[in-house]
């Protein structure tokens, strides 16, 4: 689990720096409001990638390479129930977004 936290924190810092660099390179002002929104969005994106995408990609590559049951191919510190929960929440969020986007365009 510490590995996932480290990956998420590292990605959050990288995304924040990229956002600040892009804003600066376009000669736009960097305000405290913009910086706070960028940092919060970067933390959310880094945590999502570390907790959701990384274990799923690890699982897919591990099963393709080694075969066997799902439990044996999960990254260290990740349990099958956690991964299933991430997939359910992601699926529900995708469904809700799709329905609201459809209704907005009616």
N, C-alpha and C. Protein backbone atom coordinates (compact mmCIF):
# COMPACT_ATOMS: atom_id res chain seq x y z
N UNK A 1 0.83 -1.20 0.00
CA UNK A 1 0.00 0.00 0.00
C UNK A 1 0.87 1.26 0.00
N UNK A 2 2.03 1.18 0.64
CA UNK A 2 2.93 2.33 0.66
C UNK A 2 3.41 2.66 -0.75
N UNK A 3 3.56 1.63 -1.57
CA UNK A 3 3.98 1.85 -2.96
C UNK A 3 2.93 2.65 -3.72
N UNK A 4 1.66 2.32 -3.51
CA UNK A 4 0.59 3.05 -4.19
C UNK A 4 0.54 4.51 -3.74
N UNK A 5 0.76 4.75 -2.46
CA UNK A 5 0.77 6.12 -1.94
C UNK A 5 1.93 6.90 -2.54
N UNK A 6 3.09 6.27 -2.63
CA UNK A 6 4.25 6.93 -3.21
C UNK A 6 4.04 7.24 -4.69
N UNK A 7 3.46 6.30 -5.41
CA UNK A 7 3.17 6.52 -6.83
C UNK A 7 2.17 7.66 -6.99
N UNK A 8 1.11 7.66 -6.19
CA UNK A 8 0.10 8.72 -6.26
C UNK A 8 0.66 10.09 -5.94
N UNK A 9 1.50 10.16 -4.90
CA UNK A 9 2.10 11.44 -4.53
C UNK A 9 3.06 11.93 -5.61
N UNK A 10 3.84 11.02 -6.17
CA UNK A 10 4.76 11.41 -7.23
C UNK A 10 4.02 11.91 -8.47
N UNK A 11 2.97 11.20 -8.86
CA UNK A 11 2.18 11.64 -10.01
C UNK A 11 1.53 12.99 -9.74
N UNK A 12 1.05 13.21 -8.53
CA UNK A 12 0.41 14.49 -8.18
C UNK A 12 1.39 15.64 -8.33
N UNK A 13 2.62 15.44 -7.88
CA UNK A 13 3.63 16.50 -8.01
C UNK A 13 3.96 16.74 -9.47
N UNK A 14 4.12 15.66 -10.24
CA UNK A 14 4.44 15.81 -11.66
C UNK A 14 3.32 16.55 -12.39
N UNK A 15 2.07 16.19 -12.14
CA UNK A 15 0.94 16.87 -12.80
C UNK A 15 0.86 18.34 -12.40
N UNK A 16 1.15 18.66 -11.14
CA UNK A 16 1.14 20.06 -10.70
C UNK A 16 2.22 20.87 -11.42
N UNK A 17 3.41 20.31 -11.50
CA UNK A 17 4.52 21.01 -12.16
C UNK A 17 4.22 21.19 -13.65
N UNK A 18 3.67 20.18 -14.29
CA UNK A 18 3.31 20.29 -15.71
C UNK A 18 2.26 21.39 -15.91
N UNK A 19 1.26 21.44 -15.04
CA UNK A 19 0.23 22.46 -15.16
C UNK A 19 0.78 23.86 -14.98
N UNK A 20 1.66 24.04 -14.00
CA UNK A 20 2.27 25.36 -13.79
C UNK A 20 3.18 25.74 -14.96
N UNK A 21 3.93 24.79 -15.47
CA UNK A 21 4.81 25.05 -16.60
C UNK A 21 4.02 25.47 -17.83
N UNK A 22 2.94 24.73 -18.11
CA UNK A 22 2.13 25.05 -19.29
C UNK A 22 1.48 26.43 -19.16
N UNK A 23 1.02 26.75 -17.96
CA UNK A 23 0.41 28.06 -17.73
C UNK A 23 1.44 29.16 -17.93
N UNK A 24 2.64 28.94 -17.41
CA UNK A 24 3.71 29.93 -17.51
C UNK A 24 4.18 30.09 -18.96
N UNK A 25 4.27 28.96 -19.69
CA UNK A 25 4.77 29.03 -21.07
C UNK A 25 3.78 29.73 -22.00
N UNK A 26 2.53 29.79 -21.62
CA UNK A 26 1.53 30.51 -22.41
C UNK A 26 1.38 31.96 -21.97
N UNK A 27 2.27 32.40 -21.08
CA UNK A 27 2.31 33.79 -20.59
C UNK A 27 1.00 34.18 -19.90
N UNK A 28 0.40 33.25 -19.20
CA UNK A 28 -0.82 33.54 -18.45
C UNK A 28 -0.46 33.67 -16.98
N UNK A 29 -1.22 34.47 -16.27
CA UNK A 29 -0.96 34.71 -14.86
C UNK A 29 -1.21 33.46 -14.03
N UNK A 30 -0.36 33.24 -13.05
CA UNK A 30 -0.55 32.13 -12.12
C UNK A 30 -1.04 32.74 -10.81
N UNK A 31 -2.32 32.56 -10.55
CA UNK A 31 -2.92 33.11 -9.34
C UNK A 31 -3.00 32.02 -8.27
N UNK A 32 -3.28 32.44 -7.06
CA UNK A 32 -3.41 31.45 -5.98
C UNK A 32 -4.64 30.57 -6.20
N UNK A 33 -5.71 31.14 -6.75
CA UNK A 33 -6.90 30.34 -7.04
C UNK A 33 -6.62 29.27 -8.08
N UNK A 34 -5.91 29.65 -9.14
CA UNK A 34 -5.56 28.68 -10.17
C UNK A 34 -4.65 27.59 -9.59
N UNK A 35 -3.69 27.99 -8.78
CA UNK A 35 -2.76 27.02 -8.21
C UNK A 35 -3.48 26.04 -7.30
N UNK A 36 -4.41 26.52 -6.48
CA UNK A 36 -5.14 25.62 -5.59
C UNK A 36 -6.00 24.63 -6.38
N UNK A 37 -6.69 25.11 -7.42
CA UNK A 37 -7.49 24.21 -8.25
C UNK A 37 -6.60 23.19 -8.94
N UNK A 38 -5.46 23.63 -9.44
CA UNK A 38 -4.53 22.74 -10.11
C UNK A 38 -4.00 21.67 -9.16
N UNK A 39 -3.63 22.07 -7.95
CA UNK A 39 -3.10 21.11 -6.98
C UNK A 39 -4.16 20.10 -6.59
N UNK A 40 -5.37 20.54 -6.32
CA UNK A 40 -6.44 19.60 -5.95
C UNK A 40 -6.75 18.65 -7.11
N UNK A 41 -6.80 19.16 -8.34
CA UNK A 41 -7.05 18.30 -9.50
C UNK A 41 -5.89 17.32 -9.70
N UNK A 42 -4.67 17.77 -9.47
CA UNK A 42 -3.50 16.90 -9.61
C UNK A 42 -3.50 15.79 -8.57
N UNK A 43 -3.88 16.12 -7.35
CA UNK A 43 -3.95 15.11 -6.29
C UNK A 43 -5.02 14.07 -6.63
N UNK A 44 -6.17 14.53 -7.10
CA UNK A 44 -7.23 13.60 -7.46
C UNK A 44 -6.80 12.70 -8.61
N UNK A 45 -6.17 13.26 -9.63
CA UNK A 45 -5.73 12.48 -10.78
C UNK A 45 -4.64 11.50 -10.38
N UNK A 46 -3.67 11.94 -9.58
CA UNK A 46 -2.60 11.06 -9.13
C UNK A 46 -3.13 9.91 -8.28
N UNK A 47 -4.07 10.20 -7.38
CA UNK A 47 -4.65 9.16 -6.54
C UNK A 47 -5.47 8.18 -7.36
N UNK A 48 -6.21 8.70 -8.33
CA UNK A 48 -7.02 7.82 -9.18
C UNK A 48 -6.14 6.88 -10.00
N UNK A 49 -5.08 7.42 -10.57
CA UNK A 49 -4.18 6.59 -11.36
C UNK A 49 -3.48 5.55 -10.50
N UNK A 50 -3.03 5.97 -9.31
CA UNK A 50 -2.29 5.04 -8.44
C UNK A 50 -3.20 3.98 -7.84
N UNK A 51 -4.39 4.35 -7.43
CA UNK A 51 -5.28 3.39 -6.75
C UNK A 51 -6.12 2.58 -7.71
N UNK A 52 -6.42 3.11 -8.88
CA UNK A 52 -7.31 2.42 -9.79
C UNK A 52 -6.63 1.87 -11.03
N UNK A 53 -5.94 2.71 -11.74
CA UNK A 53 -5.38 2.32 -13.03
C UNK A 53 -4.15 1.43 -12.85
N UNK A 54 -3.25 1.79 -11.94
CA UNK A 54 -2.03 1.01 -11.74
C UNK A 54 -2.31 -0.45 -11.38
N UNK A 55 -3.17 -0.73 -10.38
CA UNK A 55 -3.44 -2.14 -10.07
C UNK A 55 -4.12 -2.90 -11.20
N UNK A 56 -4.97 -2.24 -11.96
CA UNK A 56 -5.65 -2.91 -13.07
C UNK A 56 -4.66 -3.25 -14.18
N UNK A 57 -3.80 -2.30 -14.53
CA UNK A 57 -2.79 -2.56 -15.56
C UNK A 57 -1.83 -3.65 -15.09
N UNK A 58 -1.42 -3.58 -13.82
CA UNK A 58 -0.54 -4.62 -13.25
C UNK A 58 -1.21 -5.99 -13.38
N UNK A 59 -2.48 -6.05 -13.02
CA UNK A 59 -3.22 -7.31 -13.08
C UNK A 59 -3.30 -7.84 -14.51
N UNK A 60 -3.65 -6.98 -15.46
CA UNK A 60 -3.76 -7.42 -16.85
C UNK A 60 -2.43 -7.93 -17.40
N UNK A 61 -1.36 -7.21 -17.13
CA UNK A 61 -0.04 -7.64 -17.61
C UNK A 61 0.42 -8.91 -16.92
N UNK A 62 0.16 -9.02 -15.63
CA UNK A 62 0.57 -10.20 -14.87
C UNK A 62 -0.18 -11.45 -15.31
N UNK A 63 -1.48 -11.31 -15.52
CA UNK A 63 -2.27 -12.46 -15.98
C UNK A 63 -1.84 -12.86 -17.38
N UNK A 64 -1.56 -11.89 -18.24
CA UNK A 64 -1.13 -12.20 -19.60
C UNK A 64 0.22 -12.92 -19.60
N UNK A 65 1.10 -12.52 -18.70
CA UNK A 65 2.43 -13.11 -18.65
C UNK A 65 2.46 -14.43 -17.90
N UNK A 66 1.81 -14.50 -16.72
CA UNK A 66 1.92 -15.66 -15.84
C UNK A 66 0.73 -16.59 -15.90
N UNK A 67 -0.45 -16.08 -16.23
CA UNK A 67 -1.67 -16.88 -16.15
C UNK A 67 -2.06 -17.07 -14.69
N UNK A 68 -2.99 -17.94 -14.44
CA UNK A 68 -3.39 -18.22 -13.07
C UNK A 68 -4.55 -17.36 -12.62
N UNK A 69 -4.98 -17.55 -11.36
CA UNK A 69 -6.12 -16.79 -10.83
C UNK A 69 -5.76 -15.33 -10.53
N UNK A 70 -6.80 -14.55 -10.40
CA UNK A 70 -6.64 -13.11 -10.15
C UNK A 70 -5.88 -12.85 -8.85
N UNK A 71 -6.20 -13.59 -7.79
CA UNK A 71 -5.60 -13.34 -6.48
C UNK A 71 -4.07 -13.43 -6.51
N UNK A 72 -3.53 -14.31 -7.35
CA UNK A 72 -2.07 -14.49 -7.41
C UNK A 72 -1.39 -13.42 -8.25
N UNK A 73 -2.13 -12.66 -9.01
CA UNK A 73 -1.55 -11.70 -9.92
C UNK A 73 -1.73 -10.24 -9.50
N UNK A 74 -2.32 -10.00 -8.35
CA UNK A 74 -2.51 -8.62 -7.88
C UNK A 74 -1.19 -8.05 -7.37
N UNK A 75 -1.01 -6.73 -7.47
CA UNK A 75 0.19 -6.12 -6.92
C UNK A 75 0.22 -6.26 -5.39
N UNK A 76 1.38 -6.18 -4.78
CA UNK A 76 1.48 -6.30 -3.32
C UNK A 76 0.64 -5.24 -2.62
N UNK A 77 -0.12 -5.65 -1.63
CA UNK A 77 -0.93 -4.73 -0.84
C UNK A 77 -2.32 -4.46 -1.39
N UNK A 78 -2.65 -5.01 -2.55
CA UNK A 78 -3.96 -4.80 -3.15
C UNK A 78 -4.75 -6.10 -3.04
N UNK A 79 -5.97 -5.99 -2.55
CA UNK A 79 -6.82 -7.17 -2.41
C UNK A 79 -7.89 -7.16 -3.50
N UNK A 80 -8.41 -8.31 -3.78
CA UNK A 80 -9.42 -8.47 -4.83
C UNK A 80 -10.66 -7.63 -4.54
N UNK A 81 -11.07 -7.55 -3.28
CA UNK A 81 -12.24 -6.76 -2.92
C UNK A 81 -12.03 -5.28 -3.22
N UNK A 82 -10.83 -4.78 -2.95
CA UNK A 82 -10.51 -3.38 -3.21
C UNK A 82 -10.60 -3.09 -4.71
N UNK A 83 -10.03 -3.98 -5.51
CA UNK A 83 -10.05 -3.79 -6.95
C UNK A 83 -11.48 -3.84 -7.50
N UNK A 84 -12.27 -4.75 -6.99
CA UNK A 84 -13.67 -4.84 -7.42
C UNK A 84 -14.43 -3.57 -7.03
N UNK A 85 -14.17 -3.04 -5.85
CA UNK A 85 -14.81 -1.79 -5.42
C UNK A 85 -14.45 -0.63 -6.33
N UNK A 86 -13.17 -0.54 -6.70
CA UNK A 86 -12.73 0.52 -7.62
C UNK A 86 -13.46 0.41 -8.96
N UNK A 87 -13.56 -0.81 -9.46
CA UNK A 87 -14.23 -1.01 -10.74
C UNK A 87 -15.72 -0.68 -10.66
N UNK A 88 -16.37 -1.03 -9.55
CA UNK A 88 -17.80 -0.71 -9.39
C UNK A 88 -18.04 0.79 -9.30
N UNK A 89 -17.21 1.47 -8.51
CA UNK A 89 -17.36 2.92 -8.37
C UNK A 89 -17.07 3.61 -9.70
N UNK A 90 -16.03 3.17 -10.40
CA UNK A 90 -15.71 3.75 -11.71
C UNK A 90 -16.82 3.51 -12.73
N UNK A 91 -17.38 2.30 -12.71
CA UNK A 91 -18.49 2.00 -13.62
C UNK A 91 -19.72 2.84 -13.32
N UNK A 92 -20.02 3.01 -12.04
CA UNK A 92 -21.17 3.83 -11.65
C UNK A 92 -20.96 5.29 -12.04
N UNK A 93 -19.75 5.80 -11.82
CA UNK A 93 -19.45 7.19 -12.18
C UNK A 93 -19.55 7.40 -13.69
N UNK A 94 -19.07 6.43 -14.45
CA UNK A 94 -19.16 6.52 -15.91
C UNK A 94 -20.61 6.51 -16.37
N UNK A 95 -21.42 5.65 -15.77
CA UNK A 95 -22.84 5.58 -16.13
C UNK A 95 -23.55 6.89 -15.80
N UNK A 96 -23.31 7.43 -14.62
CA UNK A 96 -23.95 8.68 -14.21
C UNK A 96 -23.54 9.82 -15.14
N UNK A 97 -22.24 9.91 -15.44
CA UNK A 97 -21.76 10.96 -16.34
C UNK A 97 -22.41 10.83 -17.71
N UNK A 98 -22.50 9.61 -18.22
CA UNK A 98 -23.08 9.38 -19.54
C UNK A 98 -24.55 9.78 -19.58
N UNK A 99 -25.29 9.41 -18.55
CA UNK A 99 -26.73 9.75 -18.50
C UNK A 99 -26.92 11.26 -18.43
N UNK A 100 -26.16 11.95 -17.55
CA UNK A 100 -26.31 13.40 -17.44
C UNK A 100 -25.86 14.11 -18.72
N UNK A 101 -24.81 13.60 -19.36
CA UNK A 101 -24.38 14.19 -20.61
C UNK A 101 -25.45 14.02 -21.69
N UNK A 102 -26.09 12.86 -21.73
CA UNK A 102 -27.17 12.62 -22.68
C UNK A 102 -28.34 13.56 -22.41
N UNK A 103 -28.74 13.66 -21.14
CA UNK A 103 -29.87 14.52 -20.78
C UNK A 103 -29.58 15.98 -21.07
N UNK A 104 -28.35 16.39 -20.93
CA UNK A 104 -27.96 17.78 -21.20
C UNK A 104 -28.13 18.12 -22.66
N UNK A 105 -27.96 17.11 -23.51
CA UNK A 105 -28.04 17.33 -24.95
C UNK A 105 -29.43 17.11 -25.54
N UNK A 106 -30.42 16.82 -24.72
CA UNK A 106 -31.78 16.63 -25.22
C UNK A 106 -32.42 17.96 -25.56
